[in-house]
Amino acid sequence: MSGAKAMIEKAKSYIGYREGAGNRNRFSAEMGRPAESWCADFVSAVAKESGNAAHFPDTASCAVARDWFQQRGRLSVYPAIGAQVLFGEPGNPWGPGGEHTGICIAYTADTITVVAGNTNDDGSPNGDGVYRRTYRRRSDYVDSYGYPDYPEGLVCADPAWRGRRRVVYFGQEASEADLPTAGAGAEIPPQSNRQVVIDGRPYGPGASGDHITAMGEMLVAAGCSRYTEGPGPVWGDADTDSFRQYQLSIGETGPDADGIPGPRQLHRLEQEYGARSYTVRAGDTLSGIAARFGTTAERLAEANSLADPDHLEVGQVLRIVR
């Protein structure tokens, strides 16, 4: 069974493997090469064992691997699930991406998670085994990603690949849970550009209105913002990425975490983070109102632009946010 899931599962099965004396390791031996720096051999061997040999270069050189993907138009500076990560500080003697390599199994807005051979977890320059490691996504050490032509397709963060057949674009966060279930004919479905209508209002690409701004504000309140500006009234990529982050935060996976709201998800967001109003009564304090609605006085003061949070007028209408 080939594909990204098979590649990742096989790579993870070797976590904990340690090399022998003189760099002796099973992966170089399997590929018919002498004991050597074996990070690229690890990727090649895992590809062979998982049925993915046709989608990866057979080489012990990270630089050659990078060139192999580049010649096929499948090299990107954005992560993808199951991609071959090429590492190398600018100006290193082995060329771009020539220092180290591994397999990307997850990414967030700030990090990538990699399974790699001939590495370590103690920060020393000498590797001794197969480890799962996390790197800063925008580190100078992370050069590029080779995109395998997996039969089921690709989950990636490259906006230039958005809209391609069998490609799902998740710019901020993805993991192997976003891959299709392994099986004959399993394929990543086209990414939805559809709109959905919930409670008579459209959501999704092309939708617009004050309700889109309100949804974005709720996502910000939920700690799921992927906005660099706004939110605003026209649905954009940041709305998709932000709603996907909310979906992930409530435990959704796969097609239920595609960034397009479902009725149950949107209603939960509204219930937990939707704005309400409250009319101030005699004897009310901001802290007392906050406690009643499960929020904080600071949040209420900010949401209502209160110059003096200790002074409330009877009859004043406050916007309640959590």
Protein backbone atom coordinates (compact mmCIF):
# COMPACT_ATOMS: atom_id res chain seq x y z
CA MET A 1 0.00 0.00 0.00
CA SER A 2 1.65 3.21 -1.19
CA GLY A 3 0.81 6.80 -0.38
CA ALA A 4 1.54 9.45 2.21
CA LYS A 5 -0.06 7.56 5.10
CA ALA A 6 2.01 4.46 4.36
CA MET A 7 5.15 6.59 4.09
CA ILE A 8 4.55 8.30 7.41
CA GLU A 9 3.55 5.13 9.25
CA LYS A 10 6.67 3.31 8.04
CA ALA A 11 8.91 6.26 9.01
CA LYS A 12 7.38 6.46 12.49
CA SER A 13 7.85 2.73 13.00
CA TYR A 14 11.62 3.33 13.06
CA ILE A 15 11.58 6.02 15.75
CA GLY A 16 13.99 4.77 18.40
CA TYR A 17 16.31 2.96 15.95
CA ARG A 18 20.03 3.53 16.69
CA GLU A 19 22.99 3.08 14.36
CA GLY A 20 25.95 0.81 15.04
CA ALA A 21 29.65 1.65 15.22
CA GLY A 22 31.14 3.47 12.27
CA ASN A 23 27.75 4.75 11.02
CA ARG A 24 26.58 1.21 10.25
CA ASN A 25 22.83 1.28 9.66
CA ARG A 26 20.16 -0.83 8.04
CA PHE A 27 18.98 1.86 5.63
CA SER A 28 22.25 2.39 3.74
CA ALA A 29 22.67 -1.39 3.59
CA GLU A 30 19.15 -1.80 2.20
CA MET A 31 19.87 0.72 -0.53
CA GLY A 32 23.17 -1.02 -1.40
CA ARG A 33 25.41 1.75 -0.16
CA PRO A 34 28.27 1.77 2.35
CA ALA A 35 27.95 3.05 5.91
CA GLU A 36 27.77 6.83 5.58
CA SER A 37 25.78 9.84 6.66
CA TRP A 38 22.43 8.17 6.15
CA CYS A 39 19.60 10.70 6.49
CA ALA A 40 18.86 10.55 2.74
CA ASP A 41 19.23 6.76 2.76
CA PHE A 42 16.59 6.66 5.50
CA VAL A 43 14.10 8.53 3.29
CA SER A 44 14.91 6.36 0.26
CA ALA A 45 14.58 3.12 2.24
CA VAL A 46 11.30 4.17 3.84
CA ALA A 47 9.96 5.09 0.40
CA LYS A 48 10.98 1.68 -0.93
CA GLU A 49 9.47 -0.23 1.99
CA SER A 50 6.18 1.70 1.87
CA GLY A 51 5.65 1.26 -1.87
CA ASN A 52 6.60 4.85 -2.67
CA ALA A 53 9.96 4.32 -4.39
CA ALA A 54 8.71 5.87 -7.63
CA HIS A 55 7.84 9.11 -5.81
CA PHE A 56 11.25 9.73 -4.19
CA PRO A 57 14.85 9.89 -5.42
CA ASP A 58 17.15 6.94 -4.69
CA THR A 59 20.17 8.85 -3.40
CA ALA A 60 22.40 9.35 -0.39
CA SER A 61 22.76 13.05 -1.23
CA CYS A 62 20.38 15.68 0.10
CA ALA A 63 21.43 18.09 -2.67
CA VAL A 64 20.70 15.48 -5.35
CA ALA A 65 17.30 14.84 -3.76
CA ARG A 66 16.53 18.54 -3.91
CA ASP A 67 17.50 18.70 -7.60
CA TRP A 68 15.37 15.61 -8.33
CA PHE A 69 12.22 17.31 -7.07
CA GLN A 70 13.11 20.65 -8.64
CA GLN A 71 13.55 19.08 -12.08
CA ARG A 72 10.04 17.65 -11.78
CA GLY A 73 8.48 20.96 -10.75
CA ARG A 74 7.70 19.58 -7.30
CA LEU A 75 9.95 21.68 -5.03
CA SER A 76 8.37 24.24 -2.72
CA VAL A 77 9.29 26.46 0.21
CA TYR A 78 5.99 25.51 1.87
CA PRO A 79 5.47 22.32 3.91
CA ALA A 80 3.32 19.37 2.89
CA ILE A 81 2.29 16.20 4.71
CA GLY A 82 4.63 13.38 3.70
CA ALA A 83 7.00 15.73 1.87
CA GLN A 84 10.77 15.29 1.93
CA VAL A 85 12.19 18.23 3.89
CA LEU A 86 15.58 19.53 2.75
CA PHE A 87 17.67 21.35 5.35
CA GLY A 88 20.70 23.60 4.94
CA GLU A 89 21.80 27.00 6.16
CA PRO A 90 22.48 29.49 3.32
CA GLY A 91 26.08 29.18 2.15
CA ASN A 92 26.63 25.67 3.51
CA PRO A 93 29.31 23.70 1.59
CA TRP A 94 26.84 21.09 0.27
CA GLY A 95 24.60 23.59 -1.51
CA PRO A 96 20.95 24.56 -0.96
CA GLY A 97 19.17 21.95 1.10
CA GLY A 98 22.29 19.83 1.18
CA GLU A 99 22.87 19.35 4.91
CA HIS A 100 20.10 17.08 6.15
CA THR A 101 16.71 15.62 5.22
CA GLY A 102 13.64 13.94 6.69
CA ILE A 103 9.91 13.44 6.25
CA CYS A 104 7.37 16.10 7.25
CA ILE A 105 4.48 14.57 9.21
CA ALA A 106 2.77 17.76 10.46
CA TYR A 107 2.99 21.54 10.37
CA THR A 108 1.54 24.57 12.11
CA ALA A 109 1.85 28.27 11.39
CA ASP A 110 5.16 28.27 13.28
CA THR A 111 6.61 24.75 13.27
CA ILE A 112 7.14 21.60 11.26
CA THR A 113 7.32 18.10 12.75
CA VAL A 114 9.75 15.75 11.03
CA VAL A 115 10.82 12.11 11.28
CA ALA A 116 14.45 11.79 10.22
CA GLY A 117 17.38 9.43 10.38
CA ASN A 118 21.00 10.12 11.29
CA THR A 119 19.91 12.82 13.73
CA ASN A 120 19.53 13.23 17.50
CA ASP A 121 17.52 15.08 20.11
CA ASP A 122 20.37 16.58 22.12
CA GLY A 123 21.53 19.34 19.78
CA SER A 124 24.90 17.79 18.96
CA PRO A 125 26.15 17.83 15.33
CA ASN A 126 26.41 14.04 15.17
CA GLY A 127 23.35 11.91 14.57
CA ASP A 128 22.89 8.44 15.97
CA GLY A 129 19.38 7.30 15.11
CA VAL A 130 15.81 7.97 14.00
CA TYR A 131 13.94 10.68 15.87
CA ARG A 132 10.80 12.78 15.70
CA ARG A 133 11.83 16.44 15.87
CA THR A 134 10.17 19.83 15.67
CA TYR A 135 11.76 22.79 13.86
CA ARG A 136 10.79 26.39 13.38
CA ARG A 137 8.96 26.55 10.07
CA ARG A 138 10.65 29.77 8.97
CA SER A 139 14.14 28.90 10.17
CA ASP A 140 17.01 29.58 7.75
CA TYR A 141 17.94 25.93 8.28
CA VAL A 142 14.72 24.79 6.56
CA ASP A 143 15.47 25.17 2.86
CA SER A 144 12.66 23.51 0.92
CA TYR A 145 10.25 20.60 0.54
CA GLY A 146 10.11 17.96 -2.17
CA TYR A 147 6.48 17.14 -3.00
CA PRO A 148 6.05 13.43 -3.79
CA ASP A 149 3.47 12.58 -6.45
CA TYR A 150 1.46 10.41 -4.09
CA PRO A 151 -1.39 8.49 -5.72
CA GLU A 152 -3.98 9.98 -3.36
CA GLY A 153 -2.72 13.55 -3.79
CA LEU A 154 -1.20 16.12 -1.47
CA VAL A 155 -2.03 18.22 1.58
CA CYS A 156 0.19 21.30 1.46
CA ALA A 157 0.62 24.94 2.47
CA ASP A 158 1.74 26.27 -0.92
CA PRO A 159 -0.83 28.81 -2.18
CA ALA A 160 0.43 28.30 -5.74
CA TRP A 161 -0.78 24.69 -5.58
CA ARG A 162 -4.25 25.62 -4.44
CA GLY A 163 -6.90 24.48 -6.89
CA ARG A 164 -4.81 21.70 -8.44
CA ARG A 165 -6.37 18.29 -8.81
CA ARG A 166 -5.95 16.07 -5.74
CA VAL A 167 -4.46 18.95 -3.71
CA VAL A 168 -5.87 20.35 -0.48
CA TYR A 169 -4.42 23.66 0.65
CA PHE A 170 -4.10 24.24 4.38
CA GLY A 171 -1.86 27.26 4.79
CA GLN A 172 -1.58 27.27 8.57
CA GLU A 173 -1.85 23.77 9.98
CA ALA A 174 -2.16 20.15 8.84
CA SER A 175 -1.24 16.62 9.89
CA GLU A 176 -1.60 13.05 8.71
CA ALA A 177 -5.18 13.15 10.06
CA ASP A 178 -6.00 15.31 7.03
CA LEU A 179 -5.02 12.55 4.59
CA PRO A 180 -7.69 10.21 3.20
CA THR A 181 -8.17 6.86 4.91
CA ALA A 182 -5.83 4.30 3.39
CA GLY A 183 -7.47 1.94 0.96
CA ALA A 184 -7.76 1.06 -2.69
CA GLY A 185 -8.67 4.14 -4.68
CA ALA A 186 -8.38 6.49 -1.70
CA GLU A 187 -7.90 9.99 -2.99
CA ILE A 188 -7.86 13.47 -1.56
CA PRO A 189 -11.13 15.10 -2.67
CA PRO A 190 -11.07 18.50 -4.40
CA GLN A 191 -10.93 21.34 -1.93
CA SER A 192 -14.35 22.84 -1.58
CA ASN A 193 -14.95 26.32 -2.95
CA ARG A 194 -18.61 25.96 -2.13
CA GLN A 195 -20.68 28.26 -0.02
CA VAL A 196 -22.92 26.93 2.68
CA VAL A 197 -26.06 28.63 3.92
CA ILE A 198 -26.65 28.50 7.67
CA ASP A 199 -29.63 30.24 9.24
CA GLY A 200 -30.28 31.98 5.92
CA ARG A 201 -26.76 33.47 5.63
CA PRO A 202 -23.96 32.39 3.24
CA TYR A 203 -20.53 31.29 4.51
CA GLY A 204 -17.48 30.30 2.50
CA PRO A 205 -15.55 31.71 -0.49
CA GLY A 206 -17.38 34.63 -2.05
CA ALA A 207 -19.73 35.19 0.89
CA SER A 208 -19.99 38.70 2.31
CA GLY A 209 -21.88 40.62 4.94
CA ASP A 210 -21.68 41.82 8.50
CA HIS A 211 -22.20 38.24 9.66
CA ILE A 212 -18.79 37.33 8.19
CA THR A 213 -17.18 40.08 10.27
CA ALA A 214 -19.06 38.85 13.34
CA MET A 215 -17.87 35.29 12.72
CA GLY A 216 -14.30 36.53 12.42
CA GLU A 217 -14.58 38.44 15.68
CA MET A 218 -15.82 35.28 17.39
CA LEU A 219 -12.87 33.33 15.98
CA VAL A 220 -10.51 35.98 17.34
CA ALA A 221 -12.23 35.69 20.75
CA ALA A 222 -11.80 31.90 20.54
CA GLY A 223 -8.04 32.30 20.08
CA CYS A 224 -8.19 30.94 16.53
CA SER A 225 -7.29 34.04 14.53
CA ARG A 226 -5.20 33.68 11.40
CA TYR A 227 -5.93 37.25 10.35
CA THR A 228 -3.14 39.67 9.53
CA GLU A 229 -5.76 42.42 9.23
CA GLY A 230 -9.47 42.53 9.89
CA PRO A 231 -11.61 40.48 10.17
CA GLY A 232 -13.83 42.07 7.57
CA PRO A 233 -17.13 41.52 5.74
CA VAL A 234 -15.78 39.60 2.69
CA TRP A 235 -14.81 35.95 3.12
CA GLY A 236 -11.11 35.40 2.37
CA ASP A 237 -8.38 32.82 2.89
CA ALA A 238 -7.84 34.06 6.45
CA ASP A 239 -11.47 33.23 7.27
CA THR A 240 -10.98 29.69 5.97
CA ASP A 241 -7.73 29.27 7.90
CA SER A 242 -9.22 30.76 11.08
CA PHE A 243 -12.34 28.63 10.97
CA ARG A 244 -10.22 25.55 10.29
CA GLN A 245 -8.18 26.40 13.38
CA TYR A 246 -11.42 26.53 15.37
CA GLN A 247 -12.51 23.19 13.92
CA LEU A 248 -9.21 21.64 14.96
CA SER A 249 -9.50 23.18 18.43
CA ILE A 250 -12.81 21.38 19.03
CA GLY A 251 -11.44 18.04 17.84
CA GLU A 252 -12.60 17.93 14.23
CA THR A 253 -10.43 16.18 11.63
CA GLY A 254 -10.39 15.35 7.92
CA PRO A 255 -13.30 16.75 5.88
CA ASP A 256 -14.89 18.12 9.06
CA ALA A 257 -11.89 20.45 9.42
CA ASP A 258 -11.79 22.01 5.96
CA GLY A 259 -12.31 25.61 7.06
CA ILE A 260 -15.94 25.78 5.87
CA PRO A 261 -18.46 26.04 8.73
CA GLY A 262 -20.99 23.36 9.42
CA PRO A 263 -24.21 24.31 11.26
CA ARG A 264 -23.20 22.46 14.44
CA GLN A 265 -19.76 24.07 14.46
CA LEU A 266 -21.02 27.59 13.79
CA HIS A 267 -23.73 27.33 16.44
CA ARG A 268 -21.17 26.13 18.98
CA LEU A 269 -18.90 29.07 18.11
CA GLU A 270 -21.81 31.49 18.50
CA GLN A 271 -22.89 29.97 21.79
CA GLU A 272 -19.39 30.08 23.26
CA TYR A 273 -18.06 33.32 21.82
CA GLY A 274 -20.95 35.23 20.28
CA ALA A 275 -21.60 38.81 21.30
CA ARG A 276 -24.62 39.55 23.48
CA SER A 277 -25.94 42.74 25.02
CA TYR A 278 -26.82 43.64 28.59
CA THR A 279 -28.55 46.72 29.93
CA VAL A 280 -26.94 48.07 33.10
CA ARG A 281 -29.13 48.13 36.20
CA ALA A 282 -28.77 49.96 39.51
CA GLY A 283 -26.02 48.40 41.61
CA ASP A 284 -24.30 46.64 38.72
CA THR A 285 -20.51 46.54 38.53
CA LEU A 286 -18.44 45.57 35.53
CA SER A 287 -16.82 42.69 37.41
CA GLY A 288 -20.24 41.42 38.50
CA ILE A 289 -21.58 41.54 34.94
CA ALA A 290 -18.45 39.78 33.71
CA ALA A 291 -18.85 36.99 36.25
CA ARG A 292 -22.49 36.54 35.26
CA PHE A 293 -21.59 35.98 31.62
CA GLY A 294 -18.38 34.01 32.16
CA THR A 295 -15.99 36.66 30.90
CA THR A 296 -13.66 39.26 32.43
CA ALA A 297 -14.05 42.93 33.28
CA GLU A 298 -11.01 43.67 31.12
CA ARG A 299 -12.61 42.04 28.05
CA LEU A 300 -15.84 43.98 28.59
CA ALA A 301 -14.02 47.26 29.08
CA GLU A 302 -12.07 46.73 25.86
CA ALA A 303 -15.10 45.59 23.82
CA ASN A 304 -17.13 48.61 24.96
CA SER A 305 -14.32 51.20 24.91
CA LEU A 306 -14.97 52.13 28.53
CA ALA A 307 -12.74 55.01 29.60
CA ASP A 308 -13.60 54.37 33.26
CA PRO A 309 -14.57 50.74 33.92
CA ASP A 310 -15.63 51.69 37.45
CA HIS A 311 -18.32 54.07 36.18
CA LEU A 312 -21.44 52.58 34.61
CA GLU A 313 -24.68 54.40 33.81
CA VAL A 314 -28.05 52.81 34.55
CA GLY A 315 -29.62 51.97 31.17
CA GLN A 316 -26.24 51.77 29.43
CA VAL A 317 -26.14 48.86 26.93
CA LEU A 318 -22.97 46.81 27.06
CA ARG A 319 -21.75 44.43 24.40
CA ILE A 320 -20.94 41.09 26.03
CA VAL A 321 -17.99 39.15 24.67
CA ARG A 322 -16.20 36.14 26.11
